[in-house]
Amino acid sequence: MVINKGKKIFYSIVIPAHNEEKYISNTLKHLLNLKYPKDKYGVIVVENGSKDKTYGVAKKFSSKKVKVYSLKKPGVSNAKNFGATKASKKVKWFIFLDADCSLKKNFLNDVNSFLCNTKENEYSAGACRARPIEKTWKLRLFLWYYGYHLRVFRASISVQFINKNFFKKVKFDPDLSLGEDYYLLKQLRKYGKFFFINTKEFEISTRRFKRFGLLKVIWVWLHGGLLSNKSLRKINYEVVR
């Protein structure tokens, strides 16, 4: 049953960016090319503690639609939390996005279609299927396998959809460099349902897979979710650039 047929929800897309000068430009270009009403979404880039030209590259895209901020201290959770405070008052859903993703033209339409065909306010958070930017059979198979576990564990990779009404109750843990998204989603599930969108419009960088190897990525990203919040605080997750 269609609940809100024709409705266009306002989204604020928050991107934490640390040493992302090679990737942030491509991500922002894709965001500006989305087939979604331009007055129904905004982009917030939060450069944090970079030692490269991330801020300068992102600043070139600065406009009424794209807001760019800089924090001296690095930290993905702090950057996400800060970015949310700079969102438009019109925001209904936050989309927290990694800086090395590629969003196809109908990405927001797919998200919006799902939410408008459900009882939107029953959901506190969600995630979606991811495909590799580099389309090799090995990486596609890996992300298919990984995506299955995301649905089972109600977790995310590279993007989180957060209902603004529930984000007021919890925030990303600033002491976590690993699993900050999983533990936020876990807390949000206390307040509302979790959804998973099977879109073909979302692609992610495979650089971590190449750097660590597929088996290590599985352990770090999936089985890290089995650790306690206290245990994760002791892990300094290496940033891949």
C-alpha atoms as a PDB file:
ATOM      1  CA  MET A   1       0.000   0.000   0.000  1.00  0.00           C
ATOM      2  CA  VAL A   2       1.393   3.413  -0.986  1.00  0.00           C
ATOM      3  CA  ILE A   3       1.457   5.636   2.077  1.00  0.00           C
ATOM      4  CA  ASN A   4       2.920   8.876   0.682  1.00  0.00           C
ATOM      5  CA  LYS A   5       2.610   8.608  -3.092  1.00  0.00           C
ATOM      6  CA  GLY A   6       4.422  11.453  -4.858  1.00  0.00           C
ATOM      7  CA  LYS A   7       6.037  12.816  -1.688  1.00  0.00           C
ATOM      8  CA  LYS A   8       9.618  14.048  -1.896  1.00  0.00           C
ATOM      9  CA  ILE A   9      11.454  13.811   1.425  1.00  0.00           C
ATOM     10  CA  PHE A  10      14.262  16.252   2.246  1.00  0.00           C
ATOM     11  CA  TYR A  11      17.627  14.538   2.854  1.00  0.00           C
ATOM     12  CA  SER A  12      20.862  15.901   4.306  1.00  0.00           C
ATOM     13  CA  ILE A  13      23.870  13.954   3.064  1.00  0.00           C
ATOM     14  CA  VAL A  14      26.755  14.201   5.542  1.00  0.00           C
ATOM     15  CA  ILE A  15      30.243  13.192   4.380  1.00  0.00           C
ATOM     16  CA  PRO A  16      33.155  12.899   6.847  1.00  0.00           C
ATOM     17  CA  ALA A  17      36.371  13.354   4.856  1.00  0.00           C
ATOM     18  CA  HIS A  18      39.880  12.643   6.163  1.00  0.00           C
ATOM     19  CA  ASN A  19      42.717  12.669   3.594  1.00  0.00           C
ATOM     20  CA  GLU A  20      40.283  12.106   0.723  1.00  0.00           C
ATOM     21  CA  GLU A  21      41.648  14.475  -1.936  1.00  0.00           C
ATOM     22  CA  LYS A  22      41.725  11.643  -4.518  1.00  0.00           C
ATOM     23  CA  TYR A  23      38.097  10.633  -4.020  1.00  0.00           C
ATOM     24  CA  ILE A  24      35.960  13.488  -2.695  1.00  0.00           C
ATOM     25  CA  SER A  25      35.678  15.247  -6.056  1.00  0.00           C
ATOM     26  CA  ASN A  26      34.168  12.206  -7.792  1.00  0.00           C
ATOM     27  CA  THR A  27      31.739  11.634  -4.927  1.00  0.00           C
ATOM     28  CA  LEU A  28      30.505  15.231  -5.000  1.00  0.00           C
ATOM     29  CA  LYS A  29      30.141  15.232  -8.795  1.00  0.00           C
ATOM     30  CA  HIS A  30      27.845  12.225  -8.576  1.00  0.00           C
ATOM     31  CA  LEU A  31      25.815  13.819  -5.783  1.00  0.00           C
ATOM     32  CA  LEU A  32      25.244  16.967  -7.819  1.00  0.00           C
ATOM     33  CA  ASN A  33      24.090  14.857 -10.758  1.00  0.00           C
ATOM     34  CA  LEU A  34      21.307  13.014  -8.946  1.00  0.00           C
ATOM     35  CA  LYS A  35      17.874  12.893 -10.602  1.00  0.00           C
ATOM     36  CA  TYR A  36      16.086  14.246  -7.563  1.00  0.00           C
ATOM     37  CA  PRO A  37      14.622  17.711  -6.928  1.00  0.00           C
ATOM     38  CA  LYS A  38      17.546  20.005  -6.145  1.00  0.00           C
ATOM     39  CA  ASP A  39      15.612  21.742  -3.398  1.00  0.00           C
ATOM     40  CA  LYS A  40      14.979  18.451  -1.606  1.00  0.00           C
ATOM     41  CA  TYR A  41      18.512  17.528  -0.564  1.00  0.00           C
ATOM     42  CA  GLY A  42      21.683  19.159   0.689  1.00  0.00           C
ATOM     43  CA  VAL A  43      25.277  18.011   1.036  1.00  0.00           C
ATOM     44  CA  ILE A  44      27.553  18.648   4.023  1.00  0.00           C
ATOM     45  CA  VAL A  45      31.266  17.808   3.832  1.00  0.00           C
ATOM     46  CA  VAL A  46      33.218  17.754   7.091  1.00  0.00           C
ATOM     47  CA  GLU A  47      36.948  17.603   6.491  1.00  0.00           C
ATOM     48  CA  ASN A  48      38.643  16.482   9.688  1.00  0.00           C
ATOM     49  CA  GLY A  49      42.357  16.627  10.436  1.00  0.00           C
ATOM     50  CA  SER A  50      43.522  15.985   6.880  1.00  0.00           C
ATOM     51  CA  LYS A  51      47.171  16.280   5.882  1.00  0.00           C
ATOM     52  CA  ASP A  52      46.416  16.579   2.189  1.00  0.00           C
ATOM     53  CA  LYS A  53      44.271  18.897   0.026  1.00  0.00           C
ATOM     54  CA  THR A  54      40.891  17.402   0.914  1.00  0.00           C
ATOM     55  CA  TYR A  55      39.472  20.679   2.197  1.00  0.00           C
ATOM     56  CA  GLY A  56      40.651  22.673  -0.828  1.00  0.00           C
ATOM     57  CA  VAL A  57      39.249  20.148  -3.298  1.00  0.00           C
ATOM     58  CA  ALA A  58      35.888  19.982  -1.509  1.00  0.00           C
ATOM     59  CA  LYS A  59      35.737  23.768  -1.141  1.00  0.00           C
ATOM     60  CA  LYS A  60      35.647  24.114  -4.938  1.00  0.00           C
ATOM     61  CA  PHE A  61      32.150  22.588  -4.793  1.00  0.00           C
ATOM     62  CA  SER A  62      30.952  24.964  -2.079  1.00  0.00           C
ATOM     63  CA  SER A  63      27.520  26.435  -2.860  1.00  0.00           C
ATOM     64  CA  LYS A  64      24.046  26.798  -1.401  1.00  0.00           C
ATOM     65  CA  LYS A  65      23.658  23.052  -1.901  1.00  0.00           C
ATOM     66  CA  VAL A  66      27.127  21.920  -0.790  1.00  0.00           C
ATOM     67  CA  LYS A  67      28.417  23.167   2.563  1.00  0.00           C
ATOM     68  CA  VAL A  68      32.051  22.481   3.432  1.00  0.00           C
ATOM     69  CA  TYR A  69      33.468  22.635   6.963  1.00  0.00           C
ATOM     70  CA  SER A  70      36.837  21.847   8.499  1.00  0.00           C
ATOM     71  CA  LEU A  71      37.659  20.406  11.920  1.00  0.00           C
ATOM     72  CA  LYS A  72      41.227  20.385  13.204  1.00  0.00           C
ATOM     73  CA  LYS A  73      40.842  17.122  15.077  1.00  0.00           C
ATOM     74  CA  PRO A  74      40.448  13.902  13.032  1.00  0.00           C
ATOM     75  CA  GLY A  75      37.659  11.519  13.912  1.00  0.00           C
ATOM     76  CA  VAL A  76      34.842  10.059  11.827  1.00  0.00           C
ATOM     77  CA  SER A  77      32.255  10.124  14.632  1.00  0.00           C
ATOM     78  CA  ASN A  78      32.943  13.739  15.571  1.00  0.00           C
ATOM     79  CA  ALA A  79      32.738  14.720  11.910  1.00  0.00           C
ATOM     80  CA  LYS A  80      29.383  12.968  11.452  1.00  0.00           C
ATOM     81  CA  ASN A  81      27.900  14.443  14.615  1.00  0.00           C
ATOM     82  CA  PHE A  82      29.137  17.927  13.708  1.00  0.00           C
ATOM     83  CA  GLY A  83      27.802  17.660  10.164  1.00  0.00           C
ATOM     84  CA  ALA A  84      24.347  16.794  11.441  1.00  0.00           C
ATOM     85  CA  THR A  85      24.239  20.037  13.431  1.00  0.00           C
ATOM     86  CA  LYS A  86      24.739  21.992  10.187  1.00  0.00           C
ATOM     87  CA  ALA A  87      21.849  20.382   8.345  1.00  0.00           C
ATOM     88  CA  SER A  88      18.849  22.304   7.080  1.00  0.00           C
ATOM     89  CA  LYS A  89      15.860  22.541   9.403  1.00  0.00           C
ATOM     90  CA  LYS A  90      13.899  20.898   6.585  1.00  0.00           C
ATOM     91  CA  VAL A  91      15.765  17.600   6.941  1.00  0.00           C
ATOM     92  CA  LYS A  92      13.715  14.470   7.588  1.00  0.00           C
ATOM     93  CA  TRP A  93      16.433  11.881   7.020  1.00  0.00           C
ATOM     94  CA  PHE A  94      20.207  12.024   7.371  1.00  0.00           C
ATOM     95  CA  ILE A  95      22.363  10.047   4.970  1.00  0.00           C
ATOM     96  CA  PHE A  96      25.852   9.539   6.389  1.00  0.00           C
ATOM     97  CA  LEU A  97      28.092   8.692   3.458  1.00  0.00           C
ATOM     98  CA  ASP A  98      31.741   7.678   3.056  1.00  0.00           C
ATOM     99  CA  ALA A  99      33.814  10.039   0.925  1.00  0.00           C
ATOM    100  CA  ASP A 100      34.799   7.414  -1.665  1.00  0.00           C
ATOM    101  CA  CYS A 101      31.365   6.327  -2.933  1.00  0.00           C
ATOM    102  CA  SER A 102      29.671   6.640  -6.295  1.00  0.00           C
ATOM    103  CA  LEU A 103      25.939   7.375  -6.265  1.00  0.00           C
ATOM    104  CA  LYS A 104      24.099   6.743  -9.508  1.00  0.00           C
ATOM    105  CA  LYS A 105      21.426   9.129 -10.737  1.00  0.00           C
ATOM    106  CA  ASN A 106      18.424   7.338  -9.222  1.00  0.00           C
ATOM    107  CA  PHE A 107      19.911   6.621  -5.800  1.00  0.00           C
ATOM    108  CA  LEU A 108      17.741   9.108  -3.897  1.00  0.00           C
ATOM    109  CA  ASN A 109      14.696   8.130  -5.943  1.00  0.00           C
ATOM    110  CA  ASP A 110      15.164   4.516  -4.830  1.00  0.00           C
ATOM    111  CA  VAL A 111      15.516   5.566  -1.187  1.00  0.00           C
ATOM    112  CA  ASN A 112      12.564   7.914  -1.408  1.00  0.00           C
ATOM    113  CA  SER A 113      10.396   5.332  -3.156  1.00  0.00           C
ATOM    114  CA  PHE A 114      11.012   2.827  -0.387  1.00  0.00           C
ATOM    115  CA  LEU A 115      10.282   5.262   2.430  1.00  0.00           C
ATOM    116  CA  CYS A 116       7.181   6.646   0.752  1.00  0.00           C
ATOM    117  CA  ASN A 117       5.749   3.159   0.270  1.00  0.00           C
ATOM    118  CA  THR A 118       6.050   2.341   3.966  1.00  0.00           C
ATOM    119  CA  LYS A 119       5.059   3.854   7.272  1.00  0.00           C
ATOM    120  CA  GLU A 120       8.161   6.033   7.244  1.00  0.00           C
ATOM    121  CA  ASN A 121       8.067   7.130  10.880  1.00  0.00           C
ATOM    122  CA  GLU A 122       8.181   3.529  12.100  1.00  0.00           C
ATOM    123  CA  TYR A 123      11.790   3.321  10.883  1.00  0.00           C
ATOM    124  CA  SER A 124      14.686   4.747  12.859  1.00  0.00           C
ATOM    125  CA  ALA A 125      17.526   3.714  10.532  1.00  0.00           C
ATOM    126  CA  GLY A 126      18.522   1.718   7.488  1.00  0.00           C
ATOM    127  CA  ALA A 127      21.189   0.682   5.023  1.00  0.00           C
ATOM    128  CA  CYS A 128      21.407  -0.479   1.423  1.00  0.00           C
ATOM    129  CA  ARG A 129      23.092  -2.877  -0.931  1.00  0.00           C
ATOM    130  CA  ALA A 130      26.528  -1.854  -2.232  1.00  0.00           C
ATOM    131  CA  ARG A 131      28.267  -2.774  -5.461  1.00  0.00           C
ATOM    132  CA  PRO A 132      31.991  -2.365  -6.199  1.00  0.00           C
ATOM    133  CA  ILE A 133      33.125   0.507  -8.383  1.00  0.00           C
ATOM    134  CA  GLU A 134      35.627  -1.902  -9.939  1.00  0.00           C
ATOM    135  CA  LYS A 135      33.378  -4.566 -11.427  1.00  0.00           C
ATOM    136  CA  THR A 136      35.388  -7.791 -11.082  1.00  0.00           C
ATOM    137  CA  TRP A 137      33.542 -11.053 -10.380  1.00  0.00           C
ATOM    138  CA  LYS A 138      35.505 -11.584  -7.156  1.00  0.00           C
ATOM    139  CA  LEU A 139      34.549  -8.224  -5.689  1.00  0.00           C
ATOM    140  CA  ARG A 140      30.939  -8.550  -6.808  1.00  0.00           C
ATOM    141  CA  LEU A 141      30.710 -11.972  -5.164  1.00  0.00           C
ATOM    142  CA  PHE A 142      32.320 -10.659  -2.006  1.00  0.00           C
ATOM    143  CA  LEU A 143      29.927  -7.718  -1.690  1.00  0.00           C
ATOM    144  CA  TRP A 144      26.961  -9.987  -2.380  1.00  0.00           C
ATOM    145  CA  TYR A 145      28.122 -12.218   0.478  1.00  0.00           C
ATOM    146  CA  TYR A 146      28.826  -9.222   2.669  1.00  0.00           C
ATOM    147  CA  GLY A 147      25.441  -7.691   1.854  1.00  0.00           C
ATOM    148  CA  TYR A 148      23.699 -10.851   3.003  1.00  0.00           C
ATOM    149  CA  HIS A 149      25.354 -10.536   6.417  1.00  0.00           C
ATOM    150  CA  LEU A 150      24.472  -6.852   6.591  1.00  0.00           C
ATOM    151  CA  ARG A 151      20.813  -7.754   6.331  1.00  0.00           C
ATOM    152  CA  VAL A 152      21.139 -10.493   8.950  1.00  0.00           C
ATOM    153  CA  PHE A 153      23.035  -8.314  11.444  1.00  0.00           C
ATOM    154  CA  ARG A 154      21.113  -5.149  10.450  1.00  0.00           C
ATOM    155  CA  ALA A 155      24.369  -3.318   9.787  1.00  0.00           C
ATOM    156  CA  SER A 156      25.707  -1.052   7.033  1.00  0.00           C
ATOM    157  CA  ILE A 157      28.636  -0.467   4.724  1.00  0.00           C
ATOM    158  CA  SER A 158      29.691   3.042   3.672  1.00  0.00           C
ATOM    159  CA  VAL A 159      26.222   4.581   4.173  1.00  0.00           C
ATOM    160  CA  GLN A 160      23.647   4.917   6.957  1.00  0.00           C
ATOM    161  CA  PHE A 161      20.115   6.312   6.704  1.00  0.00           C
ATOM    162  CA  ILE A 162      19.045   7.893   9.995  1.00  0.00           C
ATOM    163  CA  ASN A 163      15.617   9.296  10.865  1.00  0.00           C
ATOM    164  CA  LYS A 164      16.141  12.797  12.274  1.00  0.00           C
ATOM    165  CA  ASN A 165      13.522  12.285  14.956  1.00  0.00           C
ATOM    166  CA  PHE A 166      15.502   9.392  16.429  1.00  0.00           C
ATOM    167  CA  PHE A 167      18.972  10.843  15.879  1.00  0.00           C
ATOM    168  CA  LYS A 168      18.101  13.374  18.558  1.00  0.00           C
ATOM    169  CA  LYS A 169      18.218  10.524  21.083  1.00  0.00           C
ATOM    170  CA  VAL A 170      21.637   9.031  20.182  1.00  0.00           C
ATOM    171  CA  LYS A 171      24.863  10.082  18.451  1.00  0.00           C
ATOM    172  CA  PHE A 172      27.944   8.449  16.945  1.00  0.00           C
ATOM    173  CA  ASP A 173      30.420   7.476  19.680  1.00  0.00           C
ATOM    174  CA  PRO A 174      33.438   9.849  19.330  1.00  0.00           C
ATOM    175  CA  ASP A 175      35.742   7.299  20.971  1.00  0.00           C
ATOM    176  CA  LEU A 176      35.229   4.691  18.243  1.00  0.00           C
ATOM    177  CA  SER A 177      37.280   4.522  15.050  1.00  0.00           C
ATOM    178  CA  LEU A 178      35.796   1.113  14.177  1.00  0.00           C
ATOM    179  CA  GLY A 179      32.175   0.045  14.394  1.00  0.00           C
ATOM    180  CA  GLU A 180      30.792   3.499  15.189  1.00  0.00           C
ATOM    181  CA  ASP A 181      28.084   3.018  12.558  1.00  0.00           C
ATOM    182  CA  TYR A 182      27.087  -0.469  13.768  1.00  0.00           C
ATOM    183  CA  TYR A 183      26.753   0.632  17.373  1.00  0.00           C
ATOM    184  CA  LEU A 184      24.717   3.679  16.441  1.00  0.00           C
ATOM    185  CA  LEU A 185      22.359   1.514  14.393  1.00  0.00           C
ATOM    186  CA  LYS A 186      22.140  -0.926  17.292  1.00  0.00           C
ATOM    187  CA  GLN A 187      21.065   1.884  19.620  1.00  0.00           C
ATOM    188  CA  LEU A 188      18.579   3.253  17.093  1.00  0.00           C
ATOM    189  CA  ARG A 189      16.872  -0.145  16.773  1.00  0.00           C
ATOM    190  CA  LYS A 190      15.590   0.404  20.311  1.00  0.00           C
ATOM    191  CA  TYR A 191      13.426   3.244  18.997  1.00  0.00           C
ATOM    192  CA  GLY A 192      12.281   2.034  15.607  1.00  0.00           C
ATOM    193  CA  LYS A 193      12.580  -0.529  12.821  1.00  0.00           C
ATOM    194  CA  PHE A 194      15.620  -1.089  10.597  1.00  0.00           C
ATOM    195  CA  PHE A 195      15.268  -1.287   6.803  1.00  0.00           C
ATOM    196  CA  PHE A 196      17.510  -2.500   3.980  1.00  0.00           C
ATOM    197  CA  ILE A 197      17.148  -1.260   0.384  1.00  0.00           C
ATOM    198  CA  ASN A 198      18.177  -3.522  -2.479  1.00  0.00           C
ATOM    199  CA  THR A 199      19.244  -0.742  -4.857  1.00  0.00           C
ATOM    200  CA  LYS A 200      21.560  -0.959  -7.860  1.00  0.00           C
ATOM    201  CA  GLU A 201      22.451   2.729  -7.596  1.00  0.00           C
ATOM    202  CA  PHE A 202      25.142   2.607  -4.894  1.00  0.00           C
ATOM    203  CA  GLU A 203      28.809   1.757  -5.546  1.00  0.00           C
ATOM    204  CA  ILE A 204      31.762   1.839  -3.155  1.00  0.00           C
ATOM    205  CA  SER A 205      35.519   1.974  -3.418  1.00  0.00           C
ATOM    206  CA  THR A 206      37.338  -1.358  -3.155  1.00  0.00           C
ATOM    207  CA  ARG A 207      40.615   0.079  -1.864  1.00  0.00           C
ATOM    208  CA  ARG A 208      40.224  -1.482   1.597  1.00  0.00           C
ATOM    209  CA  PHE A 209      39.736  -4.897   0.041  1.00  0.00           C
ATOM    210  CA  LYS A 210      42.952  -4.518  -1.919  1.00  0.00           C
ATOM    211  CA  ARG A 211      44.906  -3.226   1.059  1.00  0.00           C
ATOM    212  CA  PHE A 212      43.790  -5.705   3.719  1.00  0.00           C
ATOM    213  CA  GLY A 213      42.568  -8.692   1.741  1.00  0.00           C
ATOM    214  CA  LEU A 214      39.009  -9.996   1.669  1.00  0.00           C
ATOM    215  CA  LEU A 215      39.286 -12.321   4.667  1.00  0.00           C
ATOM    216  CA  LYS A 216      40.670  -9.611   6.927  1.00  0.00           C
ATOM    217  CA  VAL A 217      37.978  -7.179   5.830  1.00  0.00           C
ATOM    218  CA  ILE A 218      35.326  -9.764   6.733  1.00  0.00           C
ATOM    219  CA  TRP A 219      36.791 -10.114  10.222  1.00  0.00           C
ATOM    220  CA  VAL A 220      37.273  -6.388  10.790  1.00  0.00           C
ATOM    221  CA  TRP A 221      33.883  -5.253   9.499  1.00  0.00           C
ATOM    222  CA  LEU A 222      31.610  -8.185  10.252  1.00  0.00           C
ATOM    223  CA  HIS A 223      32.996  -9.949  13.312  1.00  0.00           C
ATOM    224  CA  GLY A 224      33.994  -6.633  14.826  1.00  0.00           C
ATOM    225  CA  GLY A 225      30.281  -6.247  15.426  1.00  0.00           C
ATOM    226  CA  LEU A 226      30.475  -9.087  17.945  1.00  0.00           C
ATOM    227  CA  LEU A 227      32.865  -7.135  20.160  1.00  0.00           C
ATOM    228  CA  SER A 228      31.613  -4.961  22.965  1.00  0.00           C
ATOM    229  CA  ASN A 229      31.659  -1.203  22.709  1.00  0.00           C
ATOM    230  CA  LYS A 230      34.353  -1.175  25.395  1.00  0.00           C
ATOM    231  CA  SER A 231      36.561  -3.565  23.392  1.00  0.00           C
ATOM    232  CA  LEU A 232      36.165  -1.538  20.204  1.00  0.00           C
ATOM    233  CA  ARG A 233      37.339   1.587  22.005  1.00  0.00           C
ATOM    234  CA  LYS A 234      40.763  -0.065  22.335  1.00  0.00           C
ATOM    235  CA  ILE A 235      41.113  -0.618  18.581  1.00  0.00           C
ATOM    236  CA  ASN A 236      42.762   2.039  16.438  1.00  0.00           C
ATOM    237  CA  TYR A 237      41.328   1.256  13.013  1.00  0.00           C
ATOM    238  CA  GLU A 238      43.872   2.052  10.332  1.00  0.00           C
ATOM    239  CA  VAL A 239      42.614   4.559   7.811  1.00  0.00           C
ATOM    240  CA  VAL A 240      43.183   3.413   4.222  1.00  0.00           C
ATOM    241  CA  ARG A 241      44.177   6.116   1.752  1.00  0.00           C
END
